[in-house]
């Protein structure tokens, strides 16, 4: 199933990232970040989007480590 519909990680996405040299923890963080970023970017208010993305990134950094690069 797809990560956004089942709440589980998409094994294919994780496998793809890991096959490109990304660690399992980093791959999981990237998948979660992407899920939230897709939703947040639909808000349509740039300042709110930036703040929410920063909050998501802060939480992920606490739980996984290295923060992702946030494109704006």
N, C-alpha and C. Protein backbone atom coordinates (compact mmCIF):
# COMPACT_ATOMS: atom_id res chain seq x y z
N UNK A 1 0.82 -1.19 0.00
CA UNK A 1 0.00 0.00 0.00
C UNK A 1 0.85 1.24 0.00
N UNK A 2 0.25 2.33 -0.28
CA UNK A 2 0.93 3.62 -0.32
C UNK A 2 1.03 4.19 1.08
N UNK A 3 2.14 4.81 1.40
CA UNK A 3 2.39 5.32 2.74
C UNK A 3 1.32 6.30 3.19
N UNK A 4 0.80 7.10 2.28
CA UNK A 4 -0.17 8.11 2.69
C UNK A 4 -1.54 7.53 2.95
N UNK A 5 -1.84 6.35 2.44
CA UNK A 5 -3.16 5.79 2.64
C UNK A 5 -3.20 4.73 3.73
N UNK A 6 -2.08 4.09 4.00
CA UNK A 6 -2.08 3.02 4.99
C UNK A 6 -1.39 3.40 6.28
N UNK A 7 -0.64 4.48 6.29
CA UNK A 7 0.11 4.85 7.46
C UNK A 7 1.41 4.07 7.59
N UNK A 8 1.70 3.20 6.65
CA UNK A 8 2.93 2.41 6.65
C UNK A 8 3.87 2.93 5.58
N UNK A 9 5.14 2.66 5.78
CA UNK A 9 6.11 3.08 4.79
C UNK A 9 5.96 2.26 3.53
N UNK A 10 6.18 2.89 2.42
CA UNK A 10 6.16 2.20 1.13
C UNK A 10 7.51 1.51 0.97
N UNK A 11 7.51 0.19 1.01
CA UNK A 11 8.75 -0.56 0.91
C UNK A 11 9.51 -0.27 -0.38
N UNK A 12 8.79 -0.02 -1.46
CA UNK A 12 9.45 0.28 -2.73
C UNK A 12 10.22 1.60 -2.65
N UNK A 13 9.62 2.61 -2.02
CA UNK A 13 10.31 3.89 -1.87
C UNK A 13 11.56 3.71 -1.01
N UNK A 14 11.42 2.97 0.09
CA UNK A 14 12.57 2.74 0.96
C UNK A 14 13.67 1.97 0.23
N UNK A 15 13.28 0.93 -0.50
CA UNK A 15 14.26 0.14 -1.25
C UNK A 15 14.98 1.00 -2.28
N UNK A 16 14.22 1.81 -3.01
CA UNK A 16 14.82 2.68 -4.03
C UNK A 16 15.86 3.61 -3.41
N UNK A 17 15.48 4.28 -2.33
CA UNK A 17 16.41 5.21 -1.69
C UNK A 17 17.65 4.49 -1.15
N UNK A 18 17.43 3.33 -0.53
CA UNK A 18 18.56 2.58 0.01
C UNK A 18 19.46 2.05 -1.10
N UNK A 19 18.88 1.70 -2.24
CA UNK A 19 19.69 1.22 -3.36
C UNK A 19 20.56 2.33 -3.94
N UNK A 20 20.22 3.58 -3.60
CA UNK A 20 21.01 4.73 -4.04
C UNK A 20 21.98 5.19 -2.97
N UNK A 21 22.14 4.38 -1.92
CA UNK A 21 23.12 4.69 -0.89
C UNK A 21 22.59 5.45 0.31
N UNK A 22 21.28 5.64 0.39
CA UNK A 22 20.68 6.35 1.52
C UNK A 22 20.46 5.34 2.65
N UNK A 23 20.83 5.72 3.88
CA UNK A 23 20.64 4.82 5.02
C UNK A 23 19.15 4.58 5.26
N UNK A 24 18.83 3.50 5.96
CA UNK A 24 17.42 3.19 6.22
C UNK A 24 16.75 4.31 7.03
N UNK A 25 17.42 4.81 8.07
CA UNK A 25 16.83 5.89 8.87
C UNK A 25 16.59 7.14 8.04
N UNK A 26 17.58 7.50 7.22
CA UNK A 26 17.43 8.69 6.37
C UNK A 26 16.33 8.48 5.35
N UNK A 27 16.23 7.28 4.78
CA UNK A 27 15.18 6.98 3.81
C UNK A 27 13.81 7.12 4.45
N UNK A 28 13.65 6.60 5.65
CA UNK A 28 12.36 6.73 6.35
C UNK A 28 12.03 8.20 6.60
N UNK A 29 13.05 8.97 7.02
CA UNK A 29 12.83 10.39 7.30
C UNK A 29 12.41 11.12 6.03
N UNK A 30 13.05 10.79 4.92
CA UNK A 30 12.71 11.44 3.65
C UNK A 30 11.29 11.12 3.21
N UNK A 31 10.87 9.87 3.40
CA UNK A 31 9.51 9.47 3.02
C UNK A 31 8.49 10.22 3.88
N UNK A 32 8.74 10.27 5.19
CA UNK A 32 7.81 10.98 6.09
C UNK A 32 7.79 12.47 5.75
N UNK A 33 8.97 13.05 5.54
CA UNK A 33 9.04 14.47 5.20
C UNK A 33 8.25 14.75 3.92
N UNK A 34 8.42 13.92 2.92
CA UNK A 34 7.71 14.10 1.66
C UNK A 34 6.20 14.02 1.83
N UNK A 35 5.75 13.08 2.67
CA UNK A 35 4.32 12.94 2.93
C UNK A 35 3.75 14.23 3.52
N UNK A 36 4.39 14.75 4.57
CA UNK A 36 3.90 15.97 5.20
C UNK A 36 4.05 17.18 4.28
N UNK A 37 5.14 17.26 3.55
CA UNK A 37 5.36 18.40 2.66
C UNK A 37 4.28 18.48 1.59
N UNK A 38 3.86 17.34 1.05
CA UNK A 38 2.79 17.34 0.05
C UNK A 38 1.51 17.93 0.61
N UNK A 39 1.18 17.57 1.83
CA UNK A 39 -0.05 18.08 2.46
C UNK A 39 0.09 19.56 2.79
N UNK A 40 1.21 19.92 3.41
CA UNK A 40 1.41 21.30 3.86
C UNK A 40 1.42 22.27 2.69
N UNK A 41 1.98 21.88 1.57
CA UNK A 41 2.07 22.80 0.43
C UNK A 41 0.72 23.08 -0.21
N UNK A 42 -0.31 22.38 0.19
CA UNK A 42 -1.66 22.63 -0.32
C UNK A 42 -2.37 23.74 0.46
N UNK A 43 -1.77 24.20 1.53
CA UNK A 43 -2.39 25.24 2.36
C UNK A 43 -2.53 26.54 1.59
N UNK A 44 -1.51 26.90 0.84
CA UNK A 44 -1.59 28.09 0.01
C UNK A 44 -1.22 29.40 0.69
N UNK A 45 -0.71 29.32 1.90
CA UNK A 45 -0.25 30.52 2.61
C UNK A 45 1.23 30.29 2.92
N UNK A 46 2.11 30.92 2.13
CA UNK A 46 3.54 30.63 2.23
C UNK A 46 4.13 30.69 3.64
N UNK A 47 3.77 31.68 4.43
CA UNK A 47 4.34 31.79 5.77
C UNK A 47 3.90 30.62 6.66
N UNK A 48 2.65 30.24 6.57
CA UNK A 48 2.15 29.09 7.34
C UNK A 48 2.84 27.82 6.87
N UNK A 49 2.98 27.66 5.57
CA UNK A 49 3.66 26.48 5.02
C UNK A 49 5.09 26.40 5.53
N UNK A 50 5.82 27.51 5.50
CA UNK A 50 7.22 27.53 5.97
C UNK A 50 7.31 27.12 7.44
N UNK A 51 6.41 27.68 8.26
CA UNK A 51 6.45 27.37 9.69
C UNK A 51 6.13 25.90 9.95
N UNK A 52 5.12 25.38 9.28
CA UNK A 52 4.76 23.98 9.48
C UNK A 52 5.86 23.04 8.99
N UNK A 53 6.44 23.34 7.84
CA UNK A 53 7.54 22.52 7.34
C UNK A 53 8.73 22.55 8.31
N UNK A 54 9.00 23.71 8.88
CA UNK A 54 10.09 23.82 9.86
C UNK A 54 9.78 22.98 11.10
N UNK A 55 8.52 22.99 11.54
CA UNK A 55 8.12 22.18 12.70
C UNK A 55 8.26 20.69 12.41
N UNK A 56 7.82 20.28 11.23
CA UNK A 56 7.96 18.87 10.85
C UNK A 56 9.43 18.49 10.82
N UNK A 57 10.24 19.34 10.22
CA UNK A 57 11.67 19.05 10.12
C UNK A 57 12.32 18.98 11.49
N UNK A 58 11.92 19.85 12.41
CA UNK A 58 12.48 19.82 13.76
C UNK A 58 12.14 18.50 14.46
N UNK A 59 10.92 18.04 14.31
CA UNK A 59 10.52 16.77 14.91
C UNK A 59 11.30 15.60 14.30
N UNK A 60 11.43 15.61 12.98
CA UNK A 60 12.17 14.53 12.32
C UNK A 60 13.64 14.55 12.73
N UNK A 61 14.22 15.73 12.88
CA UNK A 61 15.62 15.84 13.27
C UNK A 61 15.83 15.28 14.68
N UNK A 62 14.85 15.49 15.57
CA UNK A 62 14.96 14.95 16.93
C UNK A 62 14.91 13.43 16.92
N UNK A 63 14.10 12.88 16.03
CA UNK A 63 13.89 11.43 16.02
C UNK A 63 14.85 10.67 15.12
N UNK A 64 15.38 11.31 14.09
CA UNK A 64 16.23 10.60 13.14
C UNK A 64 17.62 11.20 13.06
N UNK A 65 17.74 12.48 13.20
CA UNK A 65 19.06 13.09 13.11
C UNK A 65 19.09 14.21 12.10
N UNK A 66 19.92 14.06 11.11
CA UNK A 66 20.18 15.11 10.12
C UNK A 66 18.92 15.65 9.48
N UNK A 67 18.71 16.96 9.51
CA UNK A 67 17.53 17.53 8.86
C UNK A 67 17.61 17.46 7.35
N UNK A 68 16.45 17.43 6.72
CA UNK A 68 16.38 17.43 5.26
C UNK A 68 16.54 18.85 4.75
N UNK A 69 16.90 18.97 3.52
CA UNK A 69 16.92 20.27 2.86
C UNK A 69 15.49 20.57 2.46
N UNK A 70 14.97 21.70 2.92
CA UNK A 70 13.59 22.07 2.62
C UNK A 70 13.59 23.03 1.45
N UNK A 71 12.98 22.60 0.35
CA UNK A 71 12.87 23.49 -0.81
C UNK A 71 11.67 24.38 -0.62
N UNK A 72 11.84 25.67 -0.96
CA UNK A 72 10.73 26.61 -0.77
C UNK A 72 10.37 27.29 -2.05
